[in-house]
N, C-alpha and C. Protein backbone atom coordinates (compact mmCIF):
# COMPACT_ATOMS: atom_id res chain seq x y z
N MET A 1 2.20 43.28 26.64
CA MET A 1 3.53 43.00 27.17
C MET A 1 4.21 42.02 26.23
N SER A 2 5.41 42.34 25.80
CA SER A 2 6.15 41.45 24.91
C SER A 2 7.33 40.84 25.65
N PHE A 3 7.74 39.69 25.15
CA PHE A 3 8.81 38.95 25.79
C PHE A 3 10.09 39.15 24.98
N ASP A 4 11.17 39.46 25.61
CA ASP A 4 12.45 39.70 24.95
C ASP A 4 13.25 38.40 24.93
N PHE A 5 13.08 37.62 23.83
CA PHE A 5 13.75 36.33 23.71
C PHE A 5 15.27 36.47 23.66
N GLU A 6 15.74 37.49 22.98
CA GLU A 6 17.17 37.66 22.77
C GLU A 6 17.91 37.82 24.08
N ASN A 7 17.30 38.54 24.99
CA ASN A 7 17.98 38.81 26.26
C ASN A 7 17.48 37.93 27.40
N ALA A 8 16.55 37.07 27.13
CA ALA A 8 15.95 36.26 28.19
C ALA A 8 16.88 35.15 28.66
N VAL A 9 17.63 34.53 27.75
CA VAL A 9 18.48 33.40 28.13
C VAL A 9 19.93 33.84 28.05
N LYS A 10 20.49 34.14 29.18
CA LYS A 10 21.89 34.51 29.25
C LYS A 10 22.59 33.51 30.17
N PRO A 11 23.69 32.95 29.68
CA PRO A 11 24.40 32.02 30.54
C PRO A 11 24.87 32.72 31.81
N THR A 12 24.69 32.04 32.91
CA THR A 12 25.08 32.64 34.18
C THR A 12 26.54 32.39 34.49
N ASN A 13 27.08 31.30 33.87
CA ASN A 13 28.51 31.08 34.08
C ASN A 13 29.07 30.27 32.91
N SER A 14 30.36 30.26 32.81
CA SER A 14 31.00 29.60 31.67
C SER A 14 30.88 28.08 31.74
N ASP A 15 30.70 27.51 32.94
CA ASP A 15 30.51 26.06 33.05
C ASP A 15 29.24 25.62 32.33
N LYS A 16 28.17 26.37 32.48
CA LYS A 16 26.89 26.05 31.82
C LYS A 16 27.05 26.18 30.31
N LEU A 17 27.73 27.23 29.87
CA LEU A 17 27.94 27.43 28.45
C LEU A 17 28.80 26.29 27.87
N ASN A 18 29.80 25.87 28.60
CA ASN A 18 30.63 24.73 28.17
C ASN A 18 29.82 23.45 28.08
N GLU A 19 28.89 23.29 29.01
CA GLU A 19 28.02 22.11 29.00
C GLU A 19 27.12 22.11 27.77
N VAL A 20 26.54 23.27 27.44
CA VAL A 20 25.70 23.38 26.26
C VAL A 20 26.53 23.10 25.01
N GLN A 21 27.74 23.62 24.95
CA GLN A 21 28.61 23.38 23.80
C GLN A 21 28.93 21.89 23.67
N ARG A 22 29.22 21.23 24.79
CA ARG A 22 29.50 19.78 24.77
C ARG A 22 28.29 19.00 24.30
N LEU A 23 27.11 19.34 24.80
CA LEU A 23 25.87 18.67 24.41
C LEU A 23 25.57 18.90 22.93
N TYR A 24 25.81 20.10 22.47
CA TYR A 24 25.62 20.42 21.05
C TYR A 24 26.50 19.50 20.20
N ALA A 25 27.76 19.41 20.55
CA ALA A 25 28.70 18.58 19.78
C ALA A 25 28.28 17.12 19.79
N GLU A 26 27.82 16.64 20.94
CA GLU A 26 27.37 15.25 21.05
C GLU A 26 26.12 15.00 20.21
N GLN A 27 25.17 15.93 20.26
CA GLN A 27 23.95 15.78 19.46
C GLN A 27 24.28 15.82 17.98
N LEU A 28 25.17 16.71 17.56
CA LEU A 28 25.58 16.79 16.16
C LEU A 28 26.24 15.48 15.73
N LYS A 29 27.09 14.94 16.57
CA LYS A 29 27.76 13.67 16.28
C LYS A 29 26.73 12.55 16.13
N LEU A 30 25.74 12.50 17.02
CA LEU A 30 24.69 11.47 16.94
C LEU A 30 23.86 11.64 15.67
N GLU A 31 23.58 12.88 15.30
CA GLU A 31 22.83 13.15 14.08
C GLU A 31 23.58 12.61 12.86
N GLN A 32 24.87 12.80 12.84
CA GLN A 32 25.70 12.32 11.74
C GLN A 32 25.75 10.79 11.73
N VAL A 33 25.83 10.17 12.89
CA VAL A 33 25.84 8.70 12.98
C VAL A 33 24.53 8.14 12.46
N VAL A 34 23.40 8.72 12.88
CA VAL A 34 22.09 8.25 12.43
C VAL A 34 21.96 8.41 10.92
N SER A 35 22.38 9.54 10.40
CA SER A 35 22.30 9.79 8.96
C SER A 35 23.12 8.75 8.19
N ALA A 36 24.33 8.48 8.65
CA ALA A 36 25.18 7.49 7.98
C ALA A 36 24.56 6.09 8.06
N MET A 37 23.98 5.75 9.21
CA MET A 37 23.35 4.43 9.36
C MET A 37 22.12 4.31 8.47
N GLU A 38 21.34 5.38 8.33
CA GLU A 38 20.16 5.35 7.46
C GLU A 38 20.57 5.15 6.00
N GLU A 39 21.67 5.80 5.60
CA GLU A 39 22.18 5.61 4.23
C GLU A 39 22.62 4.16 4.02
N ARG A 40 23.33 3.61 4.99
CA ARG A 40 23.77 2.21 4.89
C ARG A 40 22.58 1.27 4.87
N LEU A 41 21.56 1.55 5.68
CA LEU A 41 20.36 0.72 5.71
C LEU A 41 19.65 0.77 4.36
N ALA A 42 19.51 1.94 3.78
CA ALA A 42 18.85 2.07 2.48
C ALA A 42 19.61 1.27 1.42
N GLU A 43 20.92 1.34 1.42
CA GLU A 43 21.72 0.58 0.46
C GLU A 43 21.58 -0.93 0.70
N ALA A 44 21.57 -1.35 1.96
CA ALA A 44 21.41 -2.77 2.28
C ALA A 44 20.04 -3.28 1.84
N LYS A 45 19.00 -2.45 1.99
CA LYS A 45 17.66 -2.84 1.55
C LYS A 45 17.60 -3.00 0.04
N LYS A 46 18.27 -2.11 -0.70
CA LYS A 46 18.32 -2.23 -2.16
C LYS A 46 18.99 -3.54 -2.56
N ARG A 47 20.11 -3.85 -1.92
CA ARG A 47 20.83 -5.09 -2.24
C ARG A 47 19.98 -6.31 -1.88
N LYS A 48 19.33 -6.27 -0.72
CA LYS A 48 18.46 -7.38 -0.30
C LYS A 48 17.34 -7.59 -1.32
N ASN A 49 16.70 -6.50 -1.78
CA ASN A 49 15.64 -6.61 -2.78
C ASN A 49 16.17 -7.20 -4.08
N TYR A 50 17.38 -6.83 -4.46
CA TYR A 50 17.98 -7.36 -5.69
C TYR A 50 18.16 -8.88 -5.56
N TYR A 51 18.58 -9.32 -4.41
CA TYR A 51 18.72 -10.76 -4.18
C TYR A 51 17.35 -11.43 -4.15
N GLU A 52 16.40 -10.85 -3.40
CA GLU A 52 15.06 -11.44 -3.25
C GLU A 52 14.29 -11.50 -4.56
N GLN A 53 14.42 -10.47 -5.38
CA GLN A 53 13.57 -10.37 -6.56
C GLN A 53 14.26 -10.72 -7.86
N LYS A 54 15.58 -10.88 -7.85
CA LYS A 54 16.25 -11.17 -9.11
C LYS A 54 17.21 -12.36 -9.01
N LEU A 55 18.32 -12.19 -8.29
CA LEU A 55 19.36 -13.21 -8.29
C LEU A 55 18.88 -14.57 -7.80
N VAL A 56 18.30 -14.61 -6.62
CA VAL A 56 17.90 -15.89 -6.03
C VAL A 56 16.74 -16.54 -6.80
N PRO A 57 15.66 -15.79 -7.14
CA PRO A 57 14.58 -16.44 -7.91
C PRO A 57 15.07 -17.00 -9.25
N GLU A 58 15.92 -16.24 -9.95
CA GLU A 58 16.44 -16.73 -11.23
C GLU A 58 17.23 -18.03 -11.05
N ALA A 59 18.09 -18.06 -10.04
CA ALA A 59 18.89 -19.26 -9.78
C ALA A 59 18.00 -20.43 -9.39
N MET A 60 17.00 -20.19 -8.56
CA MET A 60 16.11 -21.27 -8.13
C MET A 60 15.28 -21.79 -9.30
N MET A 61 14.80 -20.89 -10.16
CA MET A 61 14.00 -21.32 -11.31
C MET A 61 14.86 -22.09 -12.31
N GLU A 62 16.12 -21.67 -12.47
CA GLU A 62 17.02 -22.39 -13.38
C GLU A 62 17.27 -23.81 -12.89
N THR A 63 17.30 -24.01 -11.58
CA THR A 63 17.51 -25.35 -11.03
C THR A 63 16.21 -26.11 -10.85
N GLY A 64 15.08 -25.43 -11.02
CA GLY A 64 13.79 -26.10 -10.92
C GLY A 64 13.32 -26.37 -9.51
N ILE A 65 13.81 -25.60 -8.55
CA ILE A 65 13.37 -25.82 -7.16
C ILE A 65 12.52 -24.65 -6.69
N GLY A 66 11.54 -24.97 -5.85
CA GLY A 66 10.64 -23.95 -5.31
C GLY A 66 11.00 -23.56 -3.89
N SER A 67 11.81 -24.38 -3.25
CA SER A 67 12.27 -24.04 -1.90
C SER A 67 13.65 -24.65 -1.70
N PHE A 68 14.37 -24.08 -0.75
CA PHE A 68 15.74 -24.54 -0.49
C PHE A 68 16.09 -24.26 0.95
N SER A 69 16.71 -25.26 1.58
CA SER A 69 17.21 -25.10 2.94
C SER A 69 18.34 -26.09 3.15
N PRO A 70 19.54 -25.62 3.34
CA PRO A 70 20.65 -26.55 3.60
C PRO A 70 20.40 -27.33 4.90
N ASP A 71 20.97 -28.50 4.99
CA ASP A 71 20.82 -29.31 6.21
C ASP A 71 21.24 -28.51 7.44
N GLY A 72 20.41 -28.57 8.46
CA GLY A 72 20.71 -27.91 9.72
C GLY A 72 20.47 -26.41 9.72
N ALA A 73 20.01 -25.86 8.61
CA ALA A 73 19.80 -24.40 8.53
C ALA A 73 18.56 -23.99 9.32
N GLU A 74 18.62 -22.81 9.87
CA GLU A 74 17.52 -22.26 10.65
C GLU A 74 16.45 -21.62 9.76
N TYR A 75 16.85 -21.25 8.54
CA TYR A 75 15.95 -20.57 7.61
C TYR A 75 15.75 -21.38 6.33
N GLU A 76 14.65 -21.10 5.64
CA GLU A 76 14.34 -21.76 4.38
C GLU A 76 13.98 -20.69 3.35
N LEU A 77 14.45 -20.88 2.13
CA LEU A 77 14.10 -20.00 1.02
C LEU A 77 12.90 -20.60 0.31
N LYS A 78 11.89 -19.79 0.03
CA LYS A 78 10.72 -20.24 -0.72
C LYS A 78 10.45 -19.25 -1.83
N LEU A 79 10.19 -19.78 -3.03
CA LEU A 79 9.80 -18.93 -4.15
C LEU A 79 8.32 -18.61 -4.03
N SER A 80 8.00 -17.35 -4.20
CA SER A 80 6.60 -16.90 -4.15
C SER A 80 6.36 -15.94 -5.30
N ASP A 81 5.08 -15.77 -5.65
CA ASP A 81 4.71 -14.81 -6.67
C ASP A 81 4.44 -13.47 -6.01
N TYR A 82 4.68 -12.42 -6.77
CA TYR A 82 4.31 -11.10 -6.27
C TYR A 82 3.71 -10.27 -7.40
N VAL A 83 2.87 -9.34 -7.00
CA VAL A 83 2.35 -8.31 -7.89
C VAL A 83 2.56 -7.00 -7.14
N SER A 84 3.11 -6.01 -7.82
CA SER A 84 3.44 -4.76 -7.16
C SER A 84 3.06 -3.58 -8.04
N GLY A 85 2.74 -2.45 -7.43
CA GLY A 85 2.46 -1.22 -8.17
C GLY A 85 1.13 -0.61 -7.79
N SER A 86 0.72 0.38 -8.57
CA SER A 86 -0.57 1.05 -8.38
C SER A 86 -0.96 1.69 -9.70
N LEU A 87 -2.19 2.15 -9.78
CA LEU A 87 -2.67 2.76 -11.02
C LEU A 87 -1.75 3.92 -11.41
N PRO A 88 -1.59 4.14 -12.71
CA PRO A 88 -0.78 5.28 -13.16
C PRO A 88 -1.30 6.59 -12.57
N LYS A 89 -0.40 7.49 -12.29
CA LYS A 89 -0.78 8.78 -11.71
C LYS A 89 -1.18 9.80 -12.78
N ASP A 90 -0.60 9.68 -13.99
CA ASP A 90 -0.93 10.64 -15.03
C ASP A 90 -2.35 10.39 -15.54
N GLU A 91 -3.02 11.45 -15.94
CA GLU A 91 -4.43 11.40 -16.32
C GLU A 91 -4.71 10.43 -17.47
N VAL A 92 -3.88 10.46 -18.51
CA VAL A 92 -4.09 9.59 -19.67
C VAL A 92 -3.91 8.12 -19.29
N GLY A 93 -2.82 7.83 -18.60
CA GLY A 93 -2.56 6.45 -18.17
C GLY A 93 -3.63 5.92 -17.25
N ARG A 94 -4.11 6.79 -16.37
CA ARG A 94 -5.17 6.41 -15.43
C ARG A 94 -6.46 6.09 -16.18
N ARG A 95 -6.84 6.96 -17.13
CA ARG A 95 -8.06 6.73 -17.91
C ARG A 95 -7.94 5.42 -18.68
N GLU A 96 -6.78 5.18 -19.30
CA GLU A 96 -6.57 3.94 -20.06
C GLU A 96 -6.63 2.72 -19.13
N ALA A 97 -6.12 2.85 -17.92
CA ALA A 97 -6.17 1.75 -16.96
C ALA A 97 -7.61 1.40 -16.61
N PHE A 98 -8.45 2.42 -16.38
CA PHE A 98 -9.85 2.17 -16.07
C PHE A 98 -10.59 1.57 -17.26
N GLU A 99 -10.28 2.05 -18.46
CA GLU A 99 -10.90 1.46 -19.66
C GLU A 99 -10.51 -0.01 -19.78
N TYR A 100 -9.26 -0.31 -19.49
CA TYR A 100 -8.78 -1.68 -19.56
C TYR A 100 -9.45 -2.54 -18.48
N LEU A 101 -9.57 -2.01 -17.27
CA LEU A 101 -10.25 -2.75 -16.20
C LEU A 101 -11.69 -3.07 -16.58
N ASP A 102 -12.36 -2.14 -17.26
CA ASP A 102 -13.75 -2.37 -17.69
C ASP A 102 -13.85 -3.54 -18.66
N GLU A 103 -12.78 -3.82 -19.39
CA GLU A 103 -12.77 -4.93 -20.36
C GLU A 103 -12.54 -6.29 -19.69
N ILE A 104 -12.01 -6.29 -18.48
CA ILE A 104 -11.67 -7.54 -17.78
C ILE A 104 -12.86 -7.97 -16.93
N GLU A 105 -13.18 -9.26 -16.98
CA GLU A 105 -14.28 -9.77 -16.15
C GLU A 105 -13.99 -9.49 -14.68
N GLY A 106 -14.91 -8.79 -14.04
CA GLY A 106 -14.78 -8.45 -12.62
C GLY A 106 -13.97 -7.19 -12.38
N GLY A 107 -13.34 -6.65 -13.40
CA GLY A 107 -12.48 -5.48 -13.23
C GLY A 107 -13.22 -4.20 -12.95
N SER A 108 -14.37 -4.02 -13.57
CA SER A 108 -15.10 -2.76 -13.40
C SER A 108 -15.66 -2.61 -11.99
N SER A 109 -15.81 -3.71 -11.27
CA SER A 109 -16.37 -3.62 -9.92
C SER A 109 -15.32 -3.20 -8.88
N LEU A 110 -14.08 -3.04 -9.29
CA LEU A 110 -13.02 -2.65 -8.34
C LEU A 110 -13.05 -1.16 -8.00
N ALA A 111 -13.48 -0.35 -8.95
CA ALA A 111 -13.36 1.10 -8.81
C ALA A 111 -14.40 1.68 -7.87
N LYS A 112 -13.93 2.63 -7.08
CA LYS A 112 -14.82 3.44 -6.25
C LYS A 112 -14.92 4.80 -6.91
N THR A 113 -16.09 5.37 -6.91
CA THR A 113 -16.27 6.71 -7.46
C THR A 113 -16.63 7.64 -6.33
N GLU A 114 -15.92 8.74 -6.27
CA GLU A 114 -16.13 9.74 -5.23
C GLU A 114 -16.53 11.04 -5.90
N VAL A 115 -17.62 11.63 -5.45
CA VAL A 115 -18.08 12.91 -6.00
C VAL A 115 -17.90 13.95 -4.91
N ILE A 116 -17.20 15.01 -5.26
CA ILE A 116 -16.90 16.06 -4.28
C ILE A 116 -17.44 17.38 -4.81
N MET A 117 -18.17 18.07 -3.98
CA MET A 117 -18.66 19.40 -4.34
C MET A 117 -18.15 20.34 -3.26
N LYS A 118 -17.42 21.36 -3.67
CA LYS A 118 -16.84 22.29 -2.71
C LYS A 118 -17.72 23.53 -2.58
N PHE A 119 -17.91 23.95 -1.34
CA PHE A 119 -18.66 25.16 -1.04
C PHE A 119 -17.75 26.09 -0.27
N GLY A 120 -17.97 27.36 -0.41
CA GLY A 120 -17.18 28.35 0.30
C GLY A 120 -17.59 28.49 1.75
N LYS A 121 -16.85 29.30 2.45
CA LYS A 121 -17.17 29.57 3.86
C LYS A 121 -18.55 30.20 3.96
N GLY A 122 -19.29 29.80 4.95
CA GLY A 122 -20.61 30.37 5.17
C GLY A 122 -21.69 29.83 4.24
N GLN A 123 -21.39 28.79 3.47
CA GLN A 123 -22.37 28.23 2.55
C GLN A 123 -22.91 26.88 3.05
N GLU A 124 -23.05 26.75 4.35
CA GLU A 124 -23.54 25.51 4.92
C GLU A 124 -24.95 25.19 4.43
N GLU A 125 -25.80 26.22 4.36
CA GLU A 125 -27.18 26.00 3.91
C GLU A 125 -27.20 25.52 2.47
N GLU A 126 -26.37 26.14 1.63
CA GLU A 126 -26.31 25.73 0.23
C GLU A 126 -25.81 24.29 0.10
N ALA A 127 -24.85 23.95 0.93
CA ALA A 127 -24.32 22.59 0.92
C ALA A 127 -25.41 21.59 1.29
N GLU A 128 -26.18 21.93 2.32
CA GLU A 128 -27.28 21.05 2.73
C GLU A 128 -28.32 20.93 1.61
N ALA A 129 -28.60 22.04 0.96
CA ALA A 129 -29.57 22.01 -0.14
C ALA A 129 -29.05 21.14 -1.28
N PHE A 130 -27.77 21.24 -1.55
CA PHE A 130 -27.18 20.43 -2.61
C PHE A 130 -27.26 18.95 -2.27
N ILE A 131 -26.96 18.63 -1.05
CA ILE A 131 -27.04 17.23 -0.61
C ILE A 131 -28.46 16.72 -0.76
N ASP A 132 -29.44 17.55 -0.40
CA ASP A 132 -30.84 17.14 -0.51
C ASP A 132 -31.26 16.92 -1.96
N MET A 133 -30.90 17.78 -2.83
CA MET A 133 -31.40 17.64 -4.20
C MET A 133 -30.52 16.79 -5.11
N VAL A 134 -29.22 16.74 -4.89
CA VAL A 134 -28.28 15.94 -5.67
C VAL A 134 -28.61 15.98 -7.17
N THR A 135 -28.85 17.16 -7.65
CA THR A 135 -29.08 17.37 -9.08
C THR A 135 -28.26 18.58 -9.50
N SER A 136 -28.32 18.89 -10.76
CA SER A 136 -27.55 20.05 -11.24
C SER A 136 -28.09 21.31 -10.59
N SER A 137 -27.20 22.24 -10.34
CA SER A 137 -27.58 23.48 -9.66
C SER A 137 -26.60 24.57 -10.06
N ASN A 138 -26.78 25.72 -9.51
CA ASN A 138 -25.89 26.84 -9.80
C ASN A 138 -24.71 26.92 -8.82
N PHE A 139 -24.50 25.87 -8.07
CA PHE A 139 -23.40 25.87 -7.10
C PHE A 139 -22.06 25.52 -7.75
N GLY A 140 -22.06 25.04 -8.95
CA GLY A 140 -20.83 24.65 -9.62
C GLY A 140 -20.84 23.18 -9.95
N SER A 141 -19.81 22.75 -10.63
CA SER A 141 -19.72 21.35 -11.04
C SER A 141 -19.01 20.53 -9.97
N PRO A 142 -19.52 19.35 -9.68
CA PRO A 142 -18.84 18.51 -8.68
C PRO A 142 -17.56 17.92 -9.25
N GLU A 143 -16.64 17.65 -8.39
CA GLU A 143 -15.40 16.97 -8.77
C GLU A 143 -15.67 15.47 -8.64
N VAL A 144 -15.35 14.71 -9.68
CA VAL A 144 -15.57 13.27 -9.66
C VAL A 144 -14.22 12.59 -9.68
N LYS A 145 -14.01 11.71 -8.74
CA LYS A 145 -12.74 11.01 -8.62
C LYS A 145 -13.01 9.52 -8.61
N LYS A 146 -12.32 8.80 -9.46
CA LYS A 146 -12.46 7.35 -9.54
C LYS A 146 -11.13 6.75 -9.11
N ASP A 147 -11.19 5.72 -8.28
CA ASP A 147 -9.94 5.14 -7.79
C ASP A 147 -10.13 3.67 -7.43
N VAL A 148 -9.02 2.95 -7.44
CA VAL A 148 -8.97 1.58 -6.95
C VAL A 148 -7.81 1.53 -5.97
N HIS A 149 -8.06 1.07 -4.76
CA HIS A 149 -7.00 0.97 -3.77
C HIS A 149 -5.92 0.03 -4.30
N HIS A 150 -4.66 0.40 -4.09
CA HIS A 150 -3.55 -0.39 -4.65
C HIS A 150 -3.57 -1.84 -4.18
N SER A 151 -3.97 -2.09 -2.95
CA SER A 151 -4.02 -3.48 -2.45
C SER A 151 -5.11 -4.28 -3.17
N THR A 152 -6.25 -3.64 -3.41
CA THR A 152 -7.34 -4.29 -4.12
C THR A 152 -6.92 -4.62 -5.54
N LEU A 153 -6.26 -3.66 -6.20
CA LEU A 153 -5.80 -3.86 -7.57
C LEU A 153 -4.77 -5.00 -7.64
N LYS A 154 -3.83 -5.01 -6.71
CA LYS A 154 -2.80 -6.06 -6.71
C LYS A 154 -3.41 -7.44 -6.45
N ALA A 155 -4.35 -7.51 -5.51
CA ALA A 155 -5.00 -8.79 -5.21
C ALA A 155 -5.80 -9.29 -6.42
N PHE A 156 -6.49 -8.37 -7.08
CA PHE A 156 -7.26 -8.72 -8.28
C PHE A 156 -6.33 -9.26 -9.37
N ALA A 157 -5.24 -8.55 -9.63
CA ALA A 157 -4.30 -8.97 -10.67
C ALA A 157 -3.65 -10.31 -10.31
N LYS A 158 -3.30 -10.48 -9.06
CA LYS A 158 -2.69 -11.74 -8.63
C LYS A 158 -3.65 -12.91 -8.85
N GLU A 159 -4.92 -12.70 -8.53
CA GLU A 159 -5.94 -13.74 -8.73
C GLU A 159 -6.12 -14.05 -10.22
N LYS A 160 -6.20 -13.01 -11.04
CA LYS A 160 -6.36 -13.21 -12.49
C LYS A 160 -5.16 -13.96 -13.07
N LEU A 161 -3.97 -13.61 -12.65
CA LEU A 161 -2.76 -14.30 -13.13
C LEU A 161 -2.76 -15.76 -12.67
N LYS A 162 -3.19 -15.97 -11.43
CA LYS A 162 -3.27 -17.33 -10.88
C LYS A 162 -4.25 -18.19 -11.69
N GLU A 163 -5.34 -17.56 -12.16
CA GLU A 163 -6.34 -18.25 -12.97
C GLU A 163 -5.87 -18.46 -14.41
N GLY A 164 -4.71 -17.88 -14.76
CA GLY A 164 -4.16 -18.05 -16.09
C GLY A 164 -4.62 -17.00 -17.09
N ASP A 165 -5.31 -15.97 -16.62
CA ASP A 165 -5.77 -14.90 -17.51
C ASP A 165 -4.58 -14.02 -17.91
N ALA A 166 -4.58 -13.60 -19.16
CA ALA A 166 -3.55 -12.69 -19.64
C ALA A 166 -3.93 -11.27 -19.23
N LEU A 167 -3.01 -10.57 -18.61
CA LEU A 167 -3.25 -9.19 -18.19
C LEU A 167 -2.15 -8.29 -18.74
N SER A 168 -2.51 -7.09 -19.12
CA SER A 168 -1.52 -6.09 -19.49
C SER A 168 -1.17 -5.32 -18.22
N LEU A 169 -0.18 -5.82 -17.51
CA LEU A 169 0.20 -5.22 -16.22
C LEU A 169 0.66 -3.78 -16.39
N ASP A 170 1.33 -3.49 -17.50
CA ASP A 170 1.80 -2.12 -17.74
C ASP A 170 0.64 -1.12 -17.76
N LYS A 171 -0.47 -1.49 -18.39
CA LYS A 171 -1.63 -0.59 -18.45
C LYS A 171 -2.16 -0.29 -17.06
N LEU A 172 -2.01 -1.25 -16.15
CA LEU A 172 -2.52 -1.08 -14.80
C LEU A 172 -1.48 -0.50 -13.84
N GLY A 173 -0.29 -0.24 -14.36
CA GLY A 173 0.77 0.30 -13.51
C GLY A 173 1.35 -0.73 -12.57
N LEU A 174 1.29 -2.01 -12.95
CA LEU A 174 1.73 -3.10 -12.09
C LEU A 174 2.93 -3.84 -12.69
N SER A 175 3.61 -4.56 -11.84
CA SER A 175 4.63 -5.50 -12.28
C SER A 175 4.40 -6.78 -11.48
N ALA A 176 4.86 -7.89 -12.02
CA ALA A 176 4.68 -9.17 -11.34
C ALA A 176 5.92 -10.02 -11.57
N GLY A 177 6.14 -10.94 -10.70
CA GLY A 177 7.28 -11.84 -10.85
C GLY A 177 7.37 -12.77 -9.66
N LYS A 178 8.55 -13.30 -9.49
CA LYS A 178 8.83 -14.20 -8.37
C LYS A 178 9.77 -13.50 -7.40
N TYR A 179 9.68 -13.86 -6.15
CA TYR A 179 10.66 -13.40 -5.18
C TYR A 179 10.97 -14.55 -4.24
N ALA A 180 12.16 -14.49 -3.67
CA ALA A 180 12.60 -15.54 -2.76
C ALA A 180 12.44 -15.03 -1.34
N LYS A 181 11.53 -15.64 -0.61
CA LYS A 181 11.27 -15.22 0.76
C LYS A 181 12.07 -16.11 1.71
N LEU A 182 12.81 -15.48 2.56
CA LEU A 182 13.61 -16.17 3.56
C LEU A 182 12.80 -16.19 4.85
N ALA A 183 12.49 -17.38 5.34
CA ALA A 183 11.65 -17.48 6.55
C ALA A 183 12.24 -18.50 7.50
N ARG A 184 12.05 -18.26 8.78
CA ARG A 184 12.52 -19.18 9.81
C ARG A 184 11.74 -20.48 9.70
N LYS A 185 12.44 -21.58 9.80
CA LYS A 185 11.76 -22.89 9.74
C LYS A 185 10.89 -23.06 10.97
N LYS A 186 9.81 -23.79 10.78
CA LYS A 186 8.90 -24.05 11.90
C LYS A 186 9.29 -25.32 12.62
């Protein structure tokens, strides 16, 4: 038995159809309002980041102050360090980043290595045998993936920079600098 969708929903009267049309128009209007607000929010976030990461830190560093709060203000500006980014996504950049990490004291211990061996449907027994022997076999070559979680990498770089070590942030896909954090006074 099949269901006839085309003929299943027929308006019983013009009042109901008018109601659907009104609701459609209202939903469309709300969709447009949300879209416009999201665009404005994205632009405001870009401007806020420009102030936080460029204009305000530069001005504060030029004046030699690490924090600022006008008398009676509810908020205080504080300069803080940041490290941002993640390992390069391209194969060459990624390999160079790992080679560079191996040269840094403590850097080689950051990486996790994941070995993946794919088996086809119905090859559960072969998969179990592979797990048991973990040696070369006729099942194919395992996929090896090496990675460092972006938070771990950023924390490591931040610590190394804090210790005064020179790092090639570009090789690691990172950037570092100052930002001005606006926080409510306690």
